[in-house]
Amino acid sequence: MTVAPSPSAHSRLGACAWQRFAPGPRLALFADNFQIMRMHAAGELPRVLPGSGALLCIPLGGELFLQNLHAQRRERLARAFVICNRHAVLDLVCDAPVELLIATFRPGRLRYLVPASFAELQDRFTAADELWGAGELARLCEQLAASPDADLRIARLEGFLERHLGTRADARLDVLQDCLYLAPDTRISRLAAEGGWSLRHFERLFTQAYGVTPKFFARVARLQQVARNMALGLAPNVAGAVMDAGFYDQPHFIHELHRLAGLSPADFSRGLRERPHFYNPAALPRYRQQLRHTLADSELSRINLRLARPGAAPRAGRA
């Protein structure tokens, strides 16, 4: 079992306090970060926007509810669950104090940790014991709930995930997906050519592996860039975050926000600034640096992309 890293940050917003942890070296390519959240009273936990990654959520105490903002559904979450949200706006809320452990996975990487087809998990609330077995998952949850030490909890979760880590059979496709995630204005036809595939074949491989088309993935990745920059205070306002993410202008962003999330800019902003979130300030720079290192050592080293960063100038749209 790995030794858990020290918490990367302690944060607090209203009744919610949380700690963030960086993944160890074996999971660094698969997990973005781990967080332990504690709600000391009834209230709102993070809003889950349409995204490109996946979440493993393990309640450690108290009752948690998942609400679909537009479908007006509310579901009690009494056990560990996985969300690969692509098309909905989901709210995590509690009616009483609750403690929650969250593993945030990088885009597409959950498929190396579960036996199920990753595409089948899209837009589903999936009980974790359906993926990893009731017995082993129950033992993990009991160990996590019984231990008050945060580092030990993260170490146990990492050990569990490492035991289920499978072979990376699609490393070349993963690199191209990473490029699209970090620079969503990259032309998809260019990525296909860099991978040695026709555009149609690349789109088919991408959709089979990740559950969505490359075009939809890029749209969601761009929206997530705006959300991340706003949640972390990296942009002074919505307009600044919109331009940094590569949208043509404010109307373009408003149109995409409505199509992807059904939210107004005001509701979008409030959901990021007035409630906790899953974004880790250190995660994206670490992700970008790992991709640069991967490109330098791979057959795709000739790729020369503008990897998305705050303040980067937008580029023309993709073909």
C-alpha atoms as a PDB file:
ATOM      1  CA  MET A   1       0.000   0.000   0.000  1.00  0.00           C
ATOM      2  CA  THR A   2       1.260   3.472  -0.803  1.00  0.00           C
ATOM      3  CA  VAL A   3       1.969   6.135   1.765  1.00  0.00           C
ATOM      4  CA  ALA A   4      -0.648   8.851   1.448  1.00  0.00           C
ATOM      5  CA  PRO A   5       0.595  12.320   0.531  1.00  0.00           C
ATOM      6  CA  SER A   6       0.029  15.183   2.889  1.00  0.00           C
ATOM      7  CA  PRO A   7      -3.059  17.321   2.343  1.00  0.00           C
ATOM      8  CA  SER A   8      -2.432  19.835  -0.411  1.00  0.00           C
ATOM      9  CA  ALA A   9      -4.909  22.339   0.985  1.00  0.00           C
ATOM     10  CA  HIS A  10      -7.467  23.037   3.689  1.00  0.00           C
ATOM     11  CA  SER A  11     -10.510  25.035   2.615  1.00  0.00           C
ATOM     12  CA  ARG A  12     -13.708  26.303   4.180  1.00  0.00           C
ATOM     13  CA  LEU A  13     -16.904  27.845   2.829  1.00  0.00           C
ATOM     14  CA  GLY A  14     -19.832  28.428   5.157  1.00  0.00           C
ATOM     15  CA  ALA A  15     -20.720  25.188   6.924  1.00  0.00           C
ATOM     16  CA  CYS A  16     -18.392  23.120   4.714  1.00  0.00           C
ATOM     17  CA  ALA A  17     -14.717  22.372   5.327  1.00  0.00           C
ATOM     18  CA  TRP A  18     -12.552  20.186   3.123  1.00  0.00           C
ATOM     19  CA  GLN A  19      -9.048  18.856   2.628  1.00  0.00           C
ATOM     20  CA  ARG A  20      -7.418  18.071  -0.715  1.00  0.00           C
ATOM     21  CA  PHE A  21      -4.822  15.391  -1.367  1.00  0.00           C
ATOM     22  CA  ALA A  22      -2.607  14.707  -4.382  1.00  0.00           C
ATOM     23  CA  PRO A  23      -2.545  11.120  -5.687  1.00  0.00           C
ATOM     24  CA  GLY A  24       0.560   8.999  -5.270  1.00  0.00           C
ATOM     25  CA  PRO A  25       2.822   8.159  -8.227  1.00  0.00           C
ATOM     26  CA  ARG A  26       1.002   4.966  -9.299  1.00  0.00           C
ATOM     27  CA  LEU A  27      -2.335   6.769  -9.555  1.00  0.00           C
ATOM     28  CA  ALA A  28      -1.111  10.160 -10.786  1.00  0.00           C
ATOM     29  CA  LEU A  29      -2.090   9.406 -14.408  1.00  0.00           C
ATOM     30  CA  PHE A  30      -5.566   8.281 -13.387  1.00  0.00           C
ATOM     31  CA  ALA A  31      -6.720  10.327 -10.373  1.00  0.00           C
ATOM     32  CA  ASP A  32      -6.861  14.111 -10.376  1.00  0.00           C
ATOM     33  CA  ASN A  33      -7.193  14.533  -6.611  1.00  0.00           C
ATOM     34  CA  PHE A  34      -8.831  13.209  -3.443  1.00  0.00           C
ATOM     35  CA  GLN A  35     -10.928  15.292  -1.060  1.00  0.00           C
ATOM     36  CA  ILE A  36     -12.537  14.849   2.331  1.00  0.00           C
ATOM     37  CA  MET A  37     -15.541  17.140   2.848  1.00  0.00           C
ATOM     38  CA  ARG A  38     -17.308  17.790   6.134  1.00  0.00           C
ATOM     39  CA  MET A  39     -20.638  19.589   6.315  1.00  0.00           C
ATOM     40  CA  HIS A  40     -21.321  20.784   9.861  1.00  0.00           C
ATOM     41  CA  ALA A  41     -24.964  21.630   9.144  1.00  0.00           C
ATOM     42  CA  ALA A  42     -27.579  21.127   6.469  1.00  0.00           C
ATOM     43  CA  GLY A  43     -26.628  22.752   3.202  1.00  0.00           C
ATOM     44  CA  GLU A  44     -25.280  22.481  -0.337  1.00  0.00           C
ATOM     45  CA  LEU A  45     -22.190  20.556  -1.314  1.00  0.00           C
ATOM     46  CA  PRO A  46     -20.588  20.907  -4.764  1.00  0.00           C
ATOM     47  CA  ARG A  47     -22.671  21.261  -7.899  1.00  0.00           C
ATOM     48  CA  VAL A  48     -21.694  18.663 -10.506  1.00  0.00           C
ATOM     49  CA  LEU A  49     -21.766  20.226 -13.974  1.00  0.00           C
ATOM     50  CA  PRO A  50     -21.563  18.286 -17.248  1.00  0.00           C
ATOM     51  CA  GLY A  51     -17.980  17.066 -17.178  1.00  0.00           C
ATOM     52  CA  SER A  52     -15.313  14.947 -18.823  1.00  0.00           C
ATOM     53  CA  GLY A  53     -14.084  12.906 -15.848  1.00  0.00           C
ATOM     54  CA  ALA A  54     -15.681  10.809 -13.118  1.00  0.00           C
ATOM     55  CA  LEU A  55     -16.262  10.934  -9.366  1.00  0.00           C
ATOM     56  CA  LEU A  56     -16.192   8.213  -6.731  1.00  0.00           C
ATOM     57  CA  CYS A  57     -18.092   9.449  -3.668  1.00  0.00           C
ATOM     58  CA  ILE A  58     -17.968   7.548  -0.366  1.00  0.00           C
ATOM     59  CA  PRO A  59     -20.251   8.792   2.458  1.00  0.00           C
ATOM     60  CA  LEU A  60     -18.415   8.395   5.768  1.00  0.00           C
ATOM     61  CA  GLY A  61     -21.240   9.551   8.002  1.00  0.00           C
ATOM     62  CA  GLY A  62     -24.649  11.186   7.696  1.00  0.00           C
ATOM     63  CA  GLU A  63     -27.164  11.180   4.840  1.00  0.00           C
ATOM     64  CA  LEU A  64     -26.373  12.598   1.437  1.00  0.00           C
ATOM     65  CA  PHE A  65     -28.813  13.418  -1.379  1.00  0.00           C
ATOM     66  CA  LEU A  66     -28.302  13.824  -5.106  1.00  0.00           C
ATOM     67  CA  GLN A  67     -30.665  16.187  -6.931  1.00  0.00           C
ATOM     68  CA  ASN A  68     -31.045  16.493 -10.684  1.00  0.00           C
ATOM     69  CA  LEU A  69     -31.572  20.225 -11.088  1.00  0.00           C
ATOM     70  CA  HIS A  70     -33.769  20.056 -14.187  1.00  0.00           C
ATOM     71  CA  ALA A  71     -35.459  16.680 -13.800  1.00  0.00           C
ATOM     72  CA  GLN A  72     -36.420  17.586 -10.215  1.00  0.00           C
ATOM     73  CA  ARG A  73     -35.367  14.173  -8.915  1.00  0.00           C
ATOM     74  CA  ARG A  74     -33.908  13.669  -5.439  1.00  0.00           C
ATOM     75  CA  GLU A  75     -32.192  10.421  -4.471  1.00  0.00           C
ATOM     76  CA  ARG A  76     -30.812   9.384  -1.085  1.00  0.00           C
ATOM     77  CA  LEU A  77     -27.243   8.119  -1.276  1.00  0.00           C
ATOM     78  CA  ALA A  78     -26.565   5.683   1.543  1.00  0.00           C
ATOM     79  CA  ARG A  79     -23.518   3.944   0.031  1.00  0.00           C
ATOM     80  CA  ALA A  80     -20.531   4.635  -2.175  1.00  0.00           C
ATOM     81  CA  PHE A  81     -21.373   5.601  -5.754  1.00  0.00           C
ATOM     82  CA  VAL A  82     -19.767   6.647  -9.038  1.00  0.00           C
ATOM     83  CA  ILE A  83     -20.898   9.512 -11.279  1.00  0.00           C
ATOM     84  CA  CYS A  84     -19.771  10.013 -14.893  1.00  0.00           C
ATOM     85  CA  ASN A  85     -21.930  13.049 -15.552  1.00  0.00           C
ATOM     86  CA  ARG A  86     -22.061  14.343 -19.125  1.00  0.00           C
ATOM     87  CA  HIS A  87     -25.451  15.956 -19.770  1.00  0.00           C
ATOM     88  CA  ALA A  88     -27.071  16.951 -16.448  1.00  0.00           C
ATOM     89  CA  VAL A  89     -26.613  19.444 -13.617  1.00  0.00           C
ATOM     90  CA  LEU A  90     -26.487  17.573 -10.314  1.00  0.00           C
ATOM     91  CA  ASP A  91     -26.574  19.033  -6.810  1.00  0.00           C
ATOM     92  CA  LEU A  92     -25.171  17.253  -3.767  1.00  0.00           C
ATOM     93  CA  VAL A  93     -27.010  18.367  -0.618  1.00  0.00           C
ATOM     94  CA  CYS A  94     -27.513  17.217   2.964  1.00  0.00           C
ATOM     95  CA  ASP A  95     -30.227  17.787   5.551  1.00  0.00           C
ATOM     96  CA  ALA A  96     -27.866  17.220   8.498  1.00  0.00           C
ATOM     97  CA  PRO A  97     -24.094  17.037   9.129  1.00  0.00           C
ATOM     98  CA  VAL A  98     -22.302  14.691   6.733  1.00  0.00           C
ATOM     99  CA  GLU A  99     -18.766  13.600   5.896  1.00  0.00           C
ATOM    100  CA  LEU A 100     -17.779  12.574   2.383  1.00  0.00           C
ATOM    101  CA  LEU A 101     -14.645  11.201   0.694  1.00  0.00           C
ATOM    102  CA  ILE A 102     -14.326  11.968  -3.019  1.00  0.00           C
ATOM    103  CA  ALA A 103     -11.933  10.635  -5.648  1.00  0.00           C
ATOM    104  CA  THR A 104     -11.875  12.761  -8.810  1.00  0.00           C
ATOM    105  CA  PHE A 105     -10.652  10.870 -11.871  1.00  0.00           C
ATOM    106  CA  ARG A 106      -9.084  12.338 -14.968  1.00  0.00           C
ATOM    107  CA  PRO A 107     -11.008  12.226 -18.240  1.00  0.00           C
ATOM    108  CA  GLY A 108     -11.525   8.663 -19.418  1.00  0.00           C
ATOM    109  CA  ARG A 109      -9.217   7.099 -16.823  1.00  0.00           C
ATOM    110  CA  LEU A 110     -11.870   5.391 -14.700  1.00  0.00           C
ATOM    111  CA  ARG A 111     -12.108   2.703 -17.364  1.00  0.00           C
ATOM    112  CA  TYR A 112      -8.738   1.320 -16.193  1.00  0.00           C
ATOM    113  CA  LEU A 113     -10.160   0.762 -12.713  1.00  0.00           C
ATOM    114  CA  VAL A 114     -13.544  -0.850 -13.369  1.00  0.00           C
ATOM    115  CA  PRO A 115     -14.584  -4.070 -15.136  1.00  0.00           C
ATOM    116  CA  ALA A 116     -17.628  -2.447 -16.749  1.00  0.00           C
ATOM    117  CA  SER A 117     -17.586  -0.673 -20.095  1.00  0.00           C
ATOM    118  CA  PHE A 118     -16.795   2.967 -19.413  1.00  0.00           C
ATOM    119  CA  ALA A 119     -19.265   4.110 -22.071  1.00  0.00           C
ATOM    120  CA  GLU A 120     -22.059   2.321 -20.167  1.00  0.00           C
ATOM    121  CA  LEU A 121     -21.373   4.429 -17.061  1.00  0.00           C
ATOM    122  CA  GLN A 122     -22.093   7.763 -18.747  1.00  0.00           C
ATOM    123  CA  ASP A 123     -24.887   9.822 -17.157  1.00  0.00           C
ATOM    124  CA  ARG A 124     -25.538   7.151 -14.547  1.00  0.00           C
ATOM    125  CA  PHE A 125     -25.515   7.042 -10.791  1.00  0.00           C
ATOM    126  CA  THR A 126     -23.786   3.672 -10.231  1.00  0.00           C
ATOM    127  CA  ALA A 127     -23.421   1.996  -6.843  1.00  0.00           C
ATOM    128  CA  ALA A 128     -19.710   1.323  -6.330  1.00  0.00           C
ATOM    129  CA  ASP A 129     -20.311  -2.223  -5.129  1.00  0.00           C
ATOM    130  CA  GLU A 130     -21.754  -3.035  -8.570  1.00  0.00           C
ATOM    131  CA  LEU A 131     -18.338  -2.238 -10.027  1.00  0.00           C
ATOM    132  CA  TRP A 132     -15.938  -3.624  -7.433  1.00  0.00           C
ATOM    133  CA  GLY A 133     -17.961  -6.197  -5.488  1.00  0.00           C
ATOM    134  CA  ALA A 134     -20.021  -5.800  -2.353  1.00  0.00           C
ATOM    135  CA  GLY A 135     -17.642  -7.586   0.018  1.00  0.00           C
ATOM    136  CA  GLU A 136     -14.435  -5.714  -0.758  1.00  0.00           C
ATOM    137  CA  LEU A 137     -16.193  -2.375  -1.080  1.00  0.00           C
ATOM    138  CA  ALA A 138     -17.990  -2.879   2.256  1.00  0.00           C
ATOM    139  CA  ARG A 139     -14.672  -3.628   3.989  1.00  0.00           C
ATOM    140  CA  LEU A 140     -13.125  -0.486   2.515  1.00  0.00           C
ATOM    141  CA  CYS A 141     -16.044   1.696   3.616  1.00  0.00           C
ATOM    142  CA  GLU A 142     -15.933   0.229   7.132  1.00  0.00           C
ATOM    143  CA  GLN A 143     -12.195   0.944   7.383  1.00  0.00           C
ATOM    144  CA  LEU A 144     -12.632   4.497   6.119  1.00  0.00           C
ATOM    145  CA  ALA A 145     -15.508   5.275   8.473  1.00  0.00           C
ATOM    146  CA  ALA A 146     -13.691   3.792  11.464  1.00  0.00           C
ATOM    147  CA  SER A 147     -10.465   5.755  10.985  1.00  0.00           C
ATOM    148  CA  PRO A 148     -10.433   9.437  12.000  1.00  0.00           C
ATOM    149  CA  ASP A 149      -6.991   9.975  10.441  1.00  0.00           C
ATOM    150  CA  ALA A 150      -7.248  11.657   7.026  1.00  0.00           C
ATOM    151  CA  ASP A 151      -3.871  10.435   5.732  1.00  0.00           C
ATOM    152  CA  LEU A 152      -4.742   6.842   6.638  1.00  0.00           C
ATOM    153  CA  ARG A 153      -8.091   7.132   4.882  1.00  0.00           C
ATOM    154  CA  ILE A 154      -6.438   8.335   1.681  1.00  0.00           C
ATOM    155  CA  ALA A 155      -3.779   5.601   1.900  1.00  0.00           C
ATOM    156  CA  ARG A 156      -6.470   2.928   2.200  1.00  0.00           C
ATOM    157  CA  LEU A 157      -8.433   4.330  -0.718  1.00  0.00           C
ATOM    158  CA  GLU A 158      -5.292   4.496  -2.862  1.00  0.00           C
ATOM    159  CA  GLY A 159      -4.410   0.924  -1.978  1.00  0.00           C
ATOM    160  CA  PHE A 160      -7.896  -0.197  -2.989  1.00  0.00           C
ATOM    161  CA  LEU A 161      -7.720   1.609  -6.333  1.00  0.00           C
ATOM    162  CA  GLU A 162      -4.213   0.349  -7.075  1.00  0.00           C
ATOM    163  CA  ARG A 163      -5.356  -3.248  -6.595  1.00  0.00           C
ATOM    164  CA  HIS A 164      -7.954  -2.680  -9.323  1.00  0.00           C
ATOM    165  CA  LEU A 165      -5.677  -0.830 -11.736  1.00  0.00           C
ATOM    166  CA  GLY A 166      -5.689  -2.544 -15.123  1.00  0.00           C
ATOM    167  CA  THR A 167      -3.451  -2.407 -18.177  1.00  0.00           C
ATOM    168  CA  ARG A 168      -3.331   0.796 -20.216  1.00  0.00           C
ATOM    169  CA  ALA A 169      -4.116  -0.524 -23.673  1.00  0.00           C
ATOM    170  CA  ASP A 170      -5.026   2.838 -25.235  1.00  0.00           C
ATOM    171  CA  ALA A 171      -2.095   5.053 -24.242  1.00  0.00           C
ATOM    172  CA  ARG A 172      -1.892   6.763 -27.653  1.00  0.00           C
ATOM    173  CA  LEU A 173      -5.602   7.567 -27.587  1.00  0.00           C
ATOM    174  CA  ASP A 174      -5.289   8.809 -24.004  1.00  0.00           C
ATOM    175  CA  VAL A 175      -2.552  11.259 -25.011  1.00  0.00           C
ATOM    176  CA  LEU A 176      -4.732  12.692 -27.773  1.00  0.00           C
ATOM    177  CA  GLN A 177      -7.677  12.947 -25.393  1.00  0.00           C
ATOM    178  CA  ASP A 178      -5.456  14.801 -22.914  1.00  0.00           C
ATOM    179  CA  CYS A 179      -4.438  17.219 -25.652  1.00  0.00           C
ATOM    180  CA  LEU A 180      -8.088  17.882 -26.462  1.00  0.00           C
ATOM    181  CA  TYR A 181      -8.963  18.331 -22.779  1.00  0.00           C
ATOM    182  CA  LEU A 182      -6.168  20.842 -22.158  1.00  0.00           C
ATOM    183  CA  ALA A 183      -6.576  22.626 -25.505  1.00  0.00           C
ATOM    184  CA  PRO A 184     -10.214  22.072 -26.577  1.00  0.00           C
ATOM    185  CA  ASP A 185      -9.896  24.481 -29.495  1.00  0.00           C
ATOM    186  CA  THR A 186      -7.491  22.047 -31.212  1.00  0.00           C
ATOM    187  CA  ARG A 187      -8.765  20.773 -34.543  1.00  0.00           C
ATOM    188  CA  ILE A 188     -10.020  17.217 -34.187  1.00  0.00           C
ATOM    189  CA  SER A 189      -8.823  16.390 -37.703  1.00  0.00           C
ATOM    190  CA  ARG A 190      -5.318  17.365 -36.623  1.00  0.00           C
ATOM    191  CA  LEU A 191      -5.407  15.052 -33.616  1.00  0.00           C
ATOM    192  CA  ALA A 192      -6.621  12.198 -35.792  1.00  0.00           C
ATOM    193  CA  ALA A 193      -3.736  12.756 -38.220  1.00  0.00           C
ATOM    194  CA  GLU A 194      -1.199  12.911 -35.382  1.00  0.00           C
ATOM    195  CA  GLY A 195      -2.496   9.580 -34.113  1.00  0.00           C
ATOM    196  CA  GLY A 196      -2.190   8.024 -37.569  1.00  0.00           C
ATOM    197  CA  TRP A 197      -5.938   7.551 -38.087  1.00  0.00           C
ATOM    198  CA  SER A 198      -8.540   8.922 -40.452  1.00  0.00           C
ATOM    199  CA  LEU A 199     -10.931  11.413 -38.912  1.00  0.00           C
ATOM    200  CA  ARG A 200     -13.838   8.952 -39.033  1.00  0.00           C
ATOM    201  CA  HIS A 201     -11.799   6.141 -37.446  1.00  0.00           C
ATOM    202  CA  PHE A 202     -10.478   8.434 -34.704  1.00  0.00           C
ATOM    203  CA  GLU A 203     -14.008   9.614 -33.897  1.00  0.00           C
ATOM    204  CA  ARG A 204     -15.173   6.006 -33.686  1.00  0.00           C
ATOM    205  CA  LEU A 205     -12.277   4.937 -31.428  1.00  0.00           C
ATOM    206  CA  PHE A 206     -12.736   7.985 -29.201  1.00  0.00           C
ATOM    207  CA  THR A 207     -16.482   7.436 -28.771  1.00  0.00           C
ATOM    208  CA  GLN A 208     -16.047   3.735 -28.023  1.00  0.00           C
ATOM    209  CA  ALA A 209     -13.386   4.446 -25.387  1.00  0.00           C
ATOM    210  CA  TYR A 210     -14.829   7.520 -23.674  1.00  0.00           C
ATOM    211  CA  GLY A 211     -18.560   7.329 -24.301  1.00  0.00           C
ATOM    212  CA  VAL A 212     -18.890  10.680 -26.113  1.00  0.00           C
ATOM    213  CA  THR A 213     -17.744  12.092 -29.443  1.00  0.00           C
ATOM    214  CA  PRO A 214     -14.549  14.186 -29.558  1.00  0.00           C
ATOM    215  CA  LYS A 215     -16.580  17.247 -30.528  1.00  0.00           C
ATOM    216  CA  PHE A 216     -18.876  16.948 -27.510  1.00  0.00           C
ATOM    217  CA  PHE A 217     -15.903  16.192 -25.245  1.00  0.00           C
ATOM    218  CA  ALA A 218     -14.169  19.391 -26.411  1.00  0.00           C
ATOM    219  CA  ARG A 219     -17.304  21.470 -25.766  1.00  0.00           C
ATOM    220  CA  VAL A 220     -17.615  20.150 -22.225  1.00  0.00           C
ATOM    221  CA  ALA A 221     -13.880  20.586 -21.592  1.00  0.00           C
ATOM    222  CA  ARG A 222     -14.137  24.243 -22.610  1.00  0.00           C
ATOM    223  CA  LEU A 223     -17.096  24.767 -20.259  1.00  0.00           C
ATOM    224  CA  GLN A 224     -15.152  23.075 -17.468  1.00  0.00           C
ATOM    225  CA  GLN A 225     -12.225  25.455 -18.034  1.00  0.00           C
ATOM    226  CA  VAL A 226     -14.533  28.388 -17.363  1.00  0.00           C
ATOM    227  CA  ALA A 227     -15.932  26.681 -14.257  1.00  0.00           C
ATOM    228  CA  ARG A 228     -12.472  25.852 -12.902  1.00  0.00           C
ATOM    229  CA  ASN A 229     -11.104  29.366 -13.414  1.00  0.00           C
ATOM    230  CA  MET A 230     -14.134  30.933 -11.749  1.00  0.00           C
ATOM    231  CA  ALA A 231     -14.224  28.509  -8.825  1.00  0.00           C
ATOM    232  CA  LEU A 232     -10.520  28.982  -8.120  1.00  0.00           C
ATOM    233  CA  GLY A 233     -10.615  32.762  -8.599  1.00  0.00           C
ATOM    234  CA  LEU A 234      -8.244  32.604 -11.589  1.00  0.00           C
ATOM    235  CA  ALA A 235     -10.430  34.963 -13.622  1.00  0.00           C
ATOM    236  CA  PRO A 236     -11.789  38.306 -12.343  1.00  0.00           C
ATOM    237  CA  ASN A 237     -15.246  37.735 -13.822  1.00  0.00           C
ATOM    238  CA  VAL A 238     -17.251  35.529 -16.166  1.00  0.00           C
ATOM    239  CA  ALA A 239     -16.146  37.497 -19.237  1.00  0.00           C
ATOM    240  CA  GLY A 240     -12.471  36.968 -18.420  1.00  0.00           C
ATOM    241  CA  ALA A 241     -12.938  33.247 -17.795  1.00  0.00           C
ATOM    242  CA  VAL A 242     -14.901  32.911 -21.047  1.00  0.00           C
ATOM    243  CA  MET A 243     -12.180  34.452 -23.181  1.00  0.00           C
ATOM    244  CA  ASP A 244      -9.411  32.476 -21.443  1.00  0.00           C
ATOM    245  CA  ALA A 245     -11.233  29.228 -22.295  1.00  0.00           C
ATOM    246  CA  GLY A 246     -11.327  30.003 -26.017  1.00  0.00           C
ATOM    247  CA  PHE A 247     -14.952  31.013 -26.558  1.00  0.00           C
ATOM    248  CA  TYR A 248     -15.386  33.470 -29.402  1.00  0.00           C
ATOM    249  CA  ASP A 249     -17.320  35.941 -27.280  1.00  0.00           C
ATOM    250  CA  GLN A 250     -19.867  36.199 -24.457  1.00  0.00           C
ATOM    251  CA  PRO A 251     -22.913  35.244 -26.614  1.00  0.00           C
ATOM    252  CA  HIS A 252     -21.073  32.093 -27.753  1.00  0.00           C
ATOM    253  CA  PHE A 253     -20.511  31.100 -24.124  1.00  0.00           C
ATOM    254  CA  ILE A 254     -24.111  31.861 -23.096  1.00  0.00           C
ATOM    255  CA  HIS A 255     -25.399  29.745 -25.982  1.00  0.00           C
ATOM    256  CA  GLU A 256     -23.139  26.799 -25.052  1.00  0.00           C
ATOM    257  CA  LEU A 257     -23.936  27.140 -21.345  1.00  0.00           C
ATOM    258  CA  HIS A 258     -27.651  26.893 -22.089  1.00  0.00           C
ATOM    259  CA  ARG A 259     -27.217  23.948 -24.458  1.00  0.00           C
ATOM    260  CA  LEU A 260     -24.885  21.962 -22.183  1.00  0.00           C
ATOM    261  CA  ALA A 261     -26.207  22.840 -18.715  1.00  0.00           C
ATOM    262  CA  GLY A 262     -29.475  24.748 -19.094  1.00  0.00           C
ATOM    263  CA  LEU A 263     -28.133  27.506 -16.820  1.00  0.00           C
ATOM    264  CA  SER A 264     -27.974  31.268 -17.056  1.00  0.00           C
ATOM    265  CA  PRO A 265     -24.550  32.913 -16.490  1.00  0.00           C
ATOM    266  CA  ALA A 266     -25.802  34.227 -13.117  1.00  0.00           C
ATOM    267  CA  ASP A 267     -26.878  30.764 -11.915  1.00  0.00           C
ATOM    268  CA  PHE A 268     -23.654  29.281 -13.246  1.00  0.00           C
ATOM    269  CA  SER A 269     -21.571  31.845 -11.368  1.00  0.00           C
ATOM    270  CA  ARG A 270     -23.491  31.488  -8.091  1.00  0.00           C
ATOM    271  CA  GLY A 271     -23.099  27.725  -8.150  1.00  0.00           C
ATOM    272  CA  LEU A 272     -19.323  28.113  -8.315  1.00  0.00           C
ATOM    273  CA  ARG A 273     -18.713  31.036  -5.957  1.00  0.00           C
ATOM    274  CA  GLU A 274     -21.288  30.419  -3.216  1.00  0.00           C
ATOM    275  CA  ARG A 275     -20.796  26.692  -2.619  1.00  0.00           C
ATOM    276  CA  PRO A 276     -17.833  24.301  -2.335  1.00  0.00           C
ATOM    277  CA  HIS A 277     -16.338  22.668  -5.427  1.00  0.00           C
ATOM    278  CA  PHE A 278     -14.134  19.746  -6.455  1.00  0.00           C
ATOM    279  CA  TYR A 279     -11.468  21.743  -8.304  1.00  0.00           C
ATOM    280  CA  ASN A 280      -7.899  21.506  -6.999  1.00  0.00           C
ATOM    281  CA  PRO A 281      -5.584  24.486  -7.719  1.00  0.00           C
ATOM    282  CA  ALA A 282      -2.539  22.247  -8.162  1.00  0.00           C
ATOM    283  CA  ALA A 283      -4.163  19.569 -10.318  1.00  0.00           C
ATOM    284  CA  LEU A 284      -4.308  21.253 -13.732  1.00  0.00           C
ATOM    285  CA  PRO A 285      -0.663  22.452 -13.804  1.00  0.00           C
ATOM    286  CA  ARG A 286       0.400  18.952 -12.743  1.00  0.00           C
ATOM    287  CA  TYR A 287      -1.770  17.422 -15.476  1.00  0.00           C
ATOM    288  CA  ARG A 288      -0.293  19.769 -18.089  1.00  0.00           C
ATOM    289  CA  GLN A 289       3.272  19.039 -17.028  1.00  0.00           C
ATOM    290  CA  GLN A 290       2.712  15.281 -17.157  1.00  0.00           C
ATOM    291  CA  LEU A 291       1.305  15.550 -20.672  1.00  0.00           C
ATOM    292  CA  ARG A 292       4.318  17.575 -21.818  1.00  0.00           C
ATOM    293  CA  HIS A 293       6.594  14.903 -20.356  1.00  0.00           C
ATOM    294  CA  THR A 294       4.575  12.150 -22.072  1.00  0.00           C
ATOM    295  CA  LEU A 295       4.711  13.919 -25.422  1.00  0.00           C
ATOM    296  CA  ALA A 296       8.467  14.426 -25.127  1.00  0.00           C
ATOM    297  CA  ASP A 297       9.009  10.684 -24.677  1.00  0.00           C
ATOM    298  CA  SER A 298       6.432   9.347 -27.153  1.00  0.00           C
ATOM    299  CA  GLU A 299       5.966   8.803 -30.858  1.00  0.00           C
ATOM    300  CA  LEU A 300       3.610  11.805 -30.753  1.00  0.00           C
ATOM    301  CA  SER A 301       6.428  14.168 -29.747  1.00  0.00           C
ATOM    302  CA  ARG A 302       5.919  16.264 -32.901  1.00  0.00           C
ATOM    303  CA  ILE A 303       2.610  17.560 -31.517  1.00  0.00           C
ATOM    304  CA  ASN A 304       3.036  21.244 -30.710  1.00  0.00           C
ATOM    305  CA  LEU A 305      -0.161  22.321 -28.975  1.00  0.00           C
ATOM    306  CA  ARG A 306      -1.093  25.388 -26.992  1.00  0.00           C
ATOM    307  CA  LEU A 307      -1.970  23.621 -23.749  1.00  0.00           C
ATOM    308  CA  ALA A 308      -4.771  25.608 -22.137  1.00  0.00           C
ATOM    309  CA  ARG A 309      -3.754  27.953 -19.350  1.00  0.00           C
ATOM    310  CA  PRO A 310      -5.274  31.063 -17.722  1.00  0.00           C
ATOM    311  CA  GLY A 311      -4.711  34.095 -19.898  1.00  0.00           C
ATOM    312  CA  ALA A 312      -4.060  32.194 -23.109  1.00  0.00           C
ATOM    313  CA  ALA A 313      -5.407  33.795 -26.258  1.00  0.00           C
ATOM    314  CA  PRO A 314      -8.304  31.982 -27.964  1.00  0.00           C
ATOM    315  CA  ARG A 315      -7.805  30.296 -31.319  1.00  0.00           C
ATOM    316  CA  ALA A 316      -9.986  29.637 -34.303  1.00  0.00           C
ATOM    317  CA  GLY A 317     -12.544  26.837 -34.050  1.00  0.00           C
ATOM    318  CA  ARG A 318     -11.894  23.252 -35.069  1.00  0.00           C
ATOM    319  CA  ALA A 319     -12.925  21.514 -38.258  1.00  0.00           C
END
